[in-house]
Amino acid sequence: MIEITEALQALTTQLQEPLSRAGFALYYPEGADRHALPVVEERDTQFVSFAADSGTIRIEFSGNTLGLYYAEAAPDVAQKGDMTRLSLSLFEPETADVRDVKYVADEFAETLGGKFSTAKKAQGSKKLPGSVSKTAVRNGAFYDLPSFGSRFTAIYPELRAAFKENIDRYGEFLADDFFRTSGNALIQDIIRQNDPARMKKLFNLLNEMYDNGVNDVQSLIVVTILGEPLQDEKMLANCVDYMNDELCVNVIRVNKFLKSSSGKSARMRLDNPPRYKPKKEKKNNMLSSLLGGGSGMGM
């Protein structure tokens, strides 16, 4: 767990160099204590501002996200409605640690460099996708595969480089490839060790993504992440108490199907995925394909 003021202080320190290069300095509102971080609180939002001749940068915490904003106005007159969002990262203080702050700092530093640097951007590097916000989901949106990848690597920043490499290589996020080559090794290690805190952290994410994800996200979780790898009954048993009811039922069904004789061709397709081709239109989701249309899965 990390306090918001502590996170804002760490970000201010870690972003001092890129902010300074862009001409921005920490802004102290009138009457603010110059010996403390000038955090401004407005309702459920906390932020610090940085001023330059070109305008204002704001680092803001609101709704379990940390955002980087810019306005072509001085800090004392810049309003939230005037500001352009430059970057947004999921940040849950209850489960966050210094690695999560470092990940956000790196994202913000890259964004600042791209916006304010006069140097030509490196060709071929794709901007990492953000995640659909929890607020948007509450209002009826769903998490897609890039959102899942972004959220997963925000929680496990040691895989952020592999996430970026996947996008740079294919020009889009190929979730199946990413989890088979990178993500599943970490997930299986967590399940094998069965540490309650790490298991709860992992399955809080998987349950949320499954409940609020599009079909492709649900299929990815049930088949690639938890169905195929959990052929070991002991590992599957480790997961049962952490999965919500619907996810648990479907993981067990897929697990049994893949182990059955009728699942032989599906296992072959999983072990030998088709060669990647640039997308023209989205394929049917994997779970439906494996089970002949998915009519028996309740999804």
Protein backbone atom coordinates (compact mmCIF):
# COMPACT_ATOMS: atom_id res chain seq x y z
CA MET A 1 0.00 0.00 0.00
CA ILE A 2 1.17 3.52 -0.77
CA GLU A 3 -0.27 6.91 0.15
CA ILE A 4 -1.27 9.24 -2.69
CA THR A 5 0.86 12.09 -1.37
CA GLU A 6 3.81 9.69 -1.22
CA ALA A 7 3.18 8.60 -4.83
CA LEU A 8 2.91 12.22 -6.03
CA GLN A 9 6.13 13.07 -4.22
CA ALA A 10 7.93 10.11 -5.84
CA LEU A 11 6.63 11.06 -9.28
CA THR A 12 7.71 14.69 -8.78
CA THR A 13 11.21 13.51 -7.89
CA GLN A 14 11.50 10.94 -10.68
CA LEU A 15 10.15 13.33 -13.33
CA GLN A 16 12.29 16.29 -12.28
CA GLU A 17 14.74 15.83 -15.16
CA PRO A 18 12.26 15.50 -18.09
CA LEU A 19 10.11 18.30 -16.64
CA SER A 20 13.15 20.54 -16.27
CA ARG A 21 14.28 19.78 -19.84
CA ALA A 22 10.83 20.85 -21.05
CA GLY A 23 11.10 24.08 -19.02
CA PHE A 24 8.67 23.19 -16.22
CA ALA A 25 9.18 23.80 -12.50
CA LEU A 26 7.07 22.83 -9.49
CA TYR A 27 4.33 25.41 -8.91
CA TYR A 28 3.43 26.61 -5.41
CA PRO A 29 -0.02 28.21 -5.13
CA GLU A 30 -0.26 31.38 -3.11
CA GLY A 31 0.11 30.64 0.59
CA ALA A 32 1.44 27.10 0.05
CA ASP A 33 4.14 25.76 2.38
CA ARG A 34 7.40 25.88 0.43
CA HIS A 35 8.84 23.10 2.60
CA ALA A 36 6.17 20.57 1.58
CA LEU A 37 4.84 19.17 -1.69
CA PRO A 38 2.09 21.58 -2.86
CA VAL A 39 -0.67 19.01 -3.30
CA VAL A 40 -4.04 20.53 -4.19
CA GLU A 41 -7.19 18.61 -3.22
CA GLU A 42 -10.49 19.10 -5.03
CA ARG A 43 -13.27 16.68 -4.11
CA ASP A 44 -11.88 13.19 -4.85
CA THR A 45 -8.91 14.53 -6.84
CA GLN A 46 -5.36 15.33 -5.73
CA PHE A 47 -2.77 16.95 -7.97
CA VAL A 48 0.48 18.88 -8.24
CA SER A 49 1.23 21.42 -10.96
CA PHE A 50 4.33 22.49 -12.88
CA ALA A 51 4.62 25.83 -14.64
CA ALA A 52 6.51 27.04 -17.72
CA ASP A 53 6.14 29.87 -20.21
CA SER A 54 4.36 27.43 -22.51
CA GLY A 55 1.70 26.47 -19.96
CA THR A 56 0.97 24.04 -17.14
CA ILE A 57 1.64 20.35 -16.52
CA ARG A 58 -0.50 18.60 -13.92
CA ILE A 59 0.05 15.18 -12.33
CA GLU A 60 -3.30 14.12 -10.95
CA PHE A 61 -4.73 11.20 -8.99
CA SER A 62 -8.44 10.56 -9.45
CA GLY A 63 -10.60 7.44 -9.58
CA ASN A 64 -7.74 4.93 -9.15
CA THR A 65 -5.77 6.47 -12.02
CA LEU A 66 -2.75 8.72 -12.28
CA GLY A 67 -2.97 11.16 -15.16
CA LEU A 68 -0.60 13.57 -16.87
CA TYR A 69 -2.34 16.70 -18.20
CA TYR A 70 -1.28 19.82 -20.10
CA ALA A 71 -2.85 23.24 -20.68
CA GLU A 72 -1.62 26.32 -22.51
CA ALA A 73 -2.46 28.45 -19.50
CA ALA A 74 -0.85 29.45 -16.21
CA PRO A 75 -1.50 27.15 -13.22
CA ASP A 76 -3.57 29.73 -11.34
CA VAL A 77 -6.05 30.04 -14.21
CA ALA A 78 -5.90 26.58 -15.83
CA GLN A 79 -9.12 24.64 -15.32
CA LYS A 80 -9.58 20.90 -15.69
CA GLY A 81 -11.76 21.46 -18.74
CA ASP A 82 -8.92 23.38 -20.41
CA MET A 83 -6.44 20.54 -19.98
CA THR A 84 -5.46 17.88 -22.49
CA ARG A 85 -4.77 14.41 -21.14
CA LEU A 86 -1.34 13.27 -22.25
CA SER A 87 -1.16 9.93 -20.42
CA LEU A 88 -3.26 7.87 -18.03
CA SER A 89 -2.23 4.87 -15.93
CA LEU A 90 -4.17 2.62 -13.57
CA PHE A 91 -3.01 3.12 -9.97
CA GLU A 92 -4.64 1.37 -7.04
CA PRO A 93 -3.04 2.64 -3.79
CA GLU A 94 -4.26 -0.35 -1.77
CA THR A 95 -2.10 -2.77 -3.77
CA ALA A 96 0.52 -0.45 -5.29
CA ASP A 97 4.21 -0.35 -4.38
CA VAL A 98 7.33 1.53 -5.51
CA ARG A 99 7.55 -0.55 -8.70
CA ASP A 100 4.11 0.67 -9.77
CA VAL A 101 5.17 4.28 -9.19
CA LYS A 102 8.33 3.67 -11.22
CA TYR A 103 6.25 2.25 -14.07
CA VAL A 104 4.00 5.34 -14.11
CA ALA A 105 7.04 7.64 -13.94
CA ASP A 106 8.59 5.89 -16.95
CA GLU A 107 5.34 6.23 -18.91
CA PHE A 108 5.03 9.93 -18.07
CA ALA A 109 8.71 10.59 -18.84
CA GLU A 110 8.31 8.98 -22.28
CA THR A 111 5.20 11.07 -22.92
CA LEU A 112 6.90 14.31 -21.85
CA GLY A 113 9.89 13.55 -24.06
CA GLY A 114 7.64 12.87 -27.04
CA LYS A 115 5.58 16.05 -26.62
CA PHE A 116 8.25 18.56 -25.72
CA SER A 117 11.39 17.17 -27.39
CA THR A 118 12.39 18.60 -30.76
CA ALA A 119 14.23 15.40 -31.60
CA LYS A 120 12.68 13.16 -34.25
CA LYS A 121 10.80 10.26 -32.75
CA ALA A 122 12.19 6.80 -33.40
CA GLN A 123 10.43 5.18 -36.32
CA GLY A 124 8.58 1.91 -35.94
CA SER A 125 7.81 2.27 -32.23
CA LYS A 126 4.12 2.12 -31.41
CA LYS A 127 2.51 4.05 -28.56
CA LEU A 128 1.34 1.66 -25.88
CA PRO A 129 -2.44 1.39 -25.57
CA GLY A 130 -4.15 2.59 -22.43
CA SER A 131 -6.86 0.78 -20.54
CA VAL A 132 -10.59 1.39 -20.61
CA SER A 133 -11.25 3.15 -17.30
CA LYS A 134 -13.26 1.65 -14.46
CA THR A 135 -15.62 4.61 -14.73
CA ALA A 136 -16.26 3.81 -18.40
CA VAL A 137 -16.92 0.15 -17.49
CA ARG A 138 -19.38 1.21 -14.80
CA ASN A 139 -21.12 3.23 -17.51
CA GLY A 140 -21.45 0.24 -19.84
CA ALA A 141 -18.07 -0.12 -21.60
CA PHE A 142 -16.10 -3.38 -21.71
CA TYR A 143 -12.42 -4.20 -21.40
CA ASP A 144 -10.82 -5.22 -24.69
CA LEU A 145 -7.57 -7.16 -25.21
CA PRO A 146 -5.26 -4.10 -25.25
CA SER A 147 -6.92 -2.91 -22.03
CA PHE A 148 -6.25 -6.29 -20.45
CA GLY A 149 -2.61 -6.21 -21.57
CA SER A 150 -2.19 -2.68 -20.25
CA ARG A 151 -3.78 -3.49 -16.88
CA PHE A 152 -1.84 -6.75 -16.53
CA THR A 153 1.52 -5.11 -17.19
CA ALA A 154 0.66 -2.18 -14.94
CA ILE A 155 0.30 -4.66 -12.09
CA TYR A 156 3.33 -6.70 -13.24
CA PRO A 157 5.64 -3.99 -14.69
CA GLU A 158 8.47 -6.50 -15.20
CA LEU A 159 6.51 -7.60 -18.31
CA ARG A 160 5.97 -4.09 -19.68
CA ALA A 161 8.93 -4.37 -22.06
CA ALA A 162 7.56 -7.64 -23.50
CA PHE A 163 4.15 -5.96 -23.91
CA LYS A 164 5.74 -3.12 -25.87
CA GLU A 165 7.84 -5.53 -27.93
CA ASN A 166 4.72 -7.49 -28.88
CA ILE A 167 3.01 -4.33 -30.14
CA ASP A 168 6.10 -3.09 -31.96
CA ARG A 169 6.55 -6.46 -33.69
CA TYR A 170 2.98 -6.92 -34.90
CA GLY A 171 1.66 -3.36 -35.03
CA GLU A 172 -1.11 -4.40 -32.61
CA PHE A 173 -1.39 -6.35 -29.37
CA LEU A 174 -1.46 -10.11 -30.00
CA ALA A 175 -2.62 -11.25 -26.59
CA ASP A 176 -2.31 -14.99 -27.26
CA ASP A 177 1.31 -14.62 -28.31
CA PHE A 178 2.14 -12.35 -25.37
CA PHE A 179 0.75 -14.68 -22.71
CA ARG A 180 2.16 -17.84 -24.28
CA THR A 181 5.66 -16.39 -24.54
CA SER A 182 5.74 -14.13 -21.46
CA GLY A 183 2.68 -13.75 -19.26
CA ASN A 184 1.80 -17.37 -18.55
CA ALA A 185 5.19 -18.20 -17.05
CA LEU A 186 4.65 -15.56 -14.36
CA ILE A 187 1.03 -16.57 -13.80
CA GLN A 188 1.88 -20.26 -13.46
CA ASP A 189 4.69 -19.44 -11.04
CA ILE A 190 2.23 -17.50 -8.85
CA ILE A 191 -0.31 -20.35 -8.96
CA ARG A 192 2.35 -22.95 -8.23
CA GLN A 193 3.63 -21.07 -5.16
CA ASN A 194 0.03 -20.45 -4.02
CA ASP A 195 0.90 -17.46 -1.83
CA PRO A 196 -2.48 -16.01 -0.70
CA ALA A 197 -1.56 -12.34 -1.20
CA ARG A 198 -0.15 -12.90 -4.70
CA MET A 199 -3.05 -15.18 -5.66
CA LYS A 200 -5.61 -12.63 -4.50
CA LYS A 201 -3.86 -9.87 -6.46
CA LEU A 202 -3.80 -11.98 -9.63
CA PHE A 203 -7.37 -13.24 -9.44
CA ASN A 204 -8.81 -9.86 -8.48
CA LEU A 205 -7.60 -8.77 -11.91
CA LEU A 206 -8.69 -11.93 -13.78
CA ASN A 207 -12.15 -11.93 -12.19
CA GLU A 208 -12.68 -8.25 -12.99
CA MET A 209 -11.49 -8.66 -16.58
CA TYR A 210 -13.61 -11.78 -17.09
CA ASP A 211 -16.76 -10.17 -15.67
CA ASN A 212 -16.35 -6.95 -17.65
CA GLY A 213 -14.44 -8.07 -20.74
CA VAL A 214 -15.45 -8.63 -24.34
CA ASN A 215 -15.69 -12.23 -25.57
CA ASP A 216 -12.06 -12.26 -26.71
CA VAL A 217 -10.90 -11.31 -23.20
CA GLN A 218 -13.06 -14.01 -21.62
CA SER A 219 -11.74 -16.62 -24.06
CA LEU A 220 -8.15 -15.58 -23.46
CA ILE A 221 -8.54 -15.99 -19.70
CA VAL A 222 -10.48 -19.25 -19.81
CA VAL A 223 -8.47 -21.01 -22.55
CA THR A 224 -4.97 -19.59 -22.93
CA ILE A 225 -4.29 -18.44 -19.38
CA LEU A 226 -6.23 -20.81 -17.12
CA GLY A 227 -7.61 -23.63 -19.29
CA GLU A 228 -4.72 -25.08 -21.22
CA PRO A 229 -1.92 -24.51 -18.64
CA LEU A 230 -3.87 -25.90 -15.69
CA GLN A 231 -3.85 -29.53 -16.78
CA ASP A 232 -2.11 -30.19 -13.45
CA GLU A 233 -5.02 -30.87 -11.08
CA LYS A 234 -3.10 -29.53 -8.10
CA MET A 235 -2.55 -26.18 -9.81
CA LEU A 236 -6.21 -26.04 -10.82
CA ALA A 237 -7.22 -26.79 -7.21
CA ASN A 238 -5.07 -23.88 -6.03
CA CYS A 239 -7.18 -21.53 -8.14
CA VAL A 240 -10.69 -22.68 -7.30
CA ASP A 241 -11.17 -20.59 -4.14
CA TYR A 242 -9.95 -17.42 -5.89
CA MET A 243 -12.07 -17.60 -9.05
CA ASN A 244 -15.60 -16.22 -9.08
CA ASP A 245 -18.35 -18.76 -9.74
CA GLU A 246 -18.83 -18.25 -13.48
CA LEU A 247 -15.11 -18.14 -14.24
CA CYS A 248 -14.50 -21.25 -12.15
CA VAL A 249 -17.23 -23.25 -13.92
CA ASN A 250 -15.96 -22.34 -17.38
CA VAL A 251 -12.29 -22.98 -16.56
CA ILE A 252 -13.15 -26.45 -15.26
CA ARG A 253 -15.25 -27.16 -18.37
CA VAL A 254 -12.49 -26.09 -20.75
CA ASN A 255 -9.92 -28.01 -18.72
CA LYS A 256 -11.99 -31.22 -18.96
CA PHE A 257 -12.64 -30.69 -22.67
CA LEU A 258 -8.95 -30.21 -23.50
CA LYS A 259 -8.07 -33.39 -21.60
CA SER A 260 -10.75 -35.42 -23.38
CA SER A 261 -10.37 -37.35 -26.63
CA SER A 262 -12.72 -34.89 -28.38
CA GLY A 263 -10.37 -32.07 -27.40
CA LYS A 264 -7.40 -33.56 -29.25
CA SER A 265 -7.75 -31.35 -32.35
CA ALA A 266 -8.23 -28.28 -30.16
CA ARG A 267 -5.01 -29.09 -28.29
CA MET A 268 -3.22 -29.42 -31.62
CA ARG A 269 -4.45 -25.98 -32.69
CA LEU A 270 -3.31 -24.51 -29.38
CA ASP A 271 0.13 -26.11 -29.70
CA ASN A 272 0.47 -25.06 -33.35
CA PRO A 273 -1.22 -21.68 -33.76
CA PRO A 274 -1.61 -20.36 -37.32
CA ARG A 275 1.05 -18.05 -38.67
CA TYR A 276 0.36 -14.41 -37.93
CA LYS A 277 -1.19 -12.34 -40.71
CA PRO A 278 -2.06 -8.62 -40.51
CA LYS A 279 -5.70 -8.32 -39.58
CA LYS A 280 -8.41 -7.62 -42.13
CA GLU A 281 -11.25 -8.52 -39.87
CA LYS A 282 -11.41 -10.00 -36.38
CA LYS A 283 -11.49 -13.78 -36.07
CA ASN A 284 -14.10 -15.57 -34.02
CA ASN A 285 -13.07 -15.83 -30.40
CA MET A 286 -10.95 -18.85 -29.51
CA LEU A 287 -13.32 -20.36 -26.98
CA SER A 288 -16.19 -20.53 -29.47
CA SER A 289 -13.85 -22.04 -32.05
CA LEU A 290 -12.62 -24.73 -29.69
CA LEU A 291 -16.07 -25.76 -28.58
CA GLY A 292 -17.79 -25.56 -31.95
CA GLY A 293 -19.54 -22.26 -31.41
CA GLY A 294 -19.40 -22.16 -27.62
CA SER A 295 -23.06 -23.12 -27.21
CA GLY A 296 -22.37 -25.17 -24.12
CA MET A 297 -20.24 -22.75 -22.17
CA GLY A 298 -22.76 -20.32 -20.78
CA MET A 299 -20.68 -17.35 -21.94
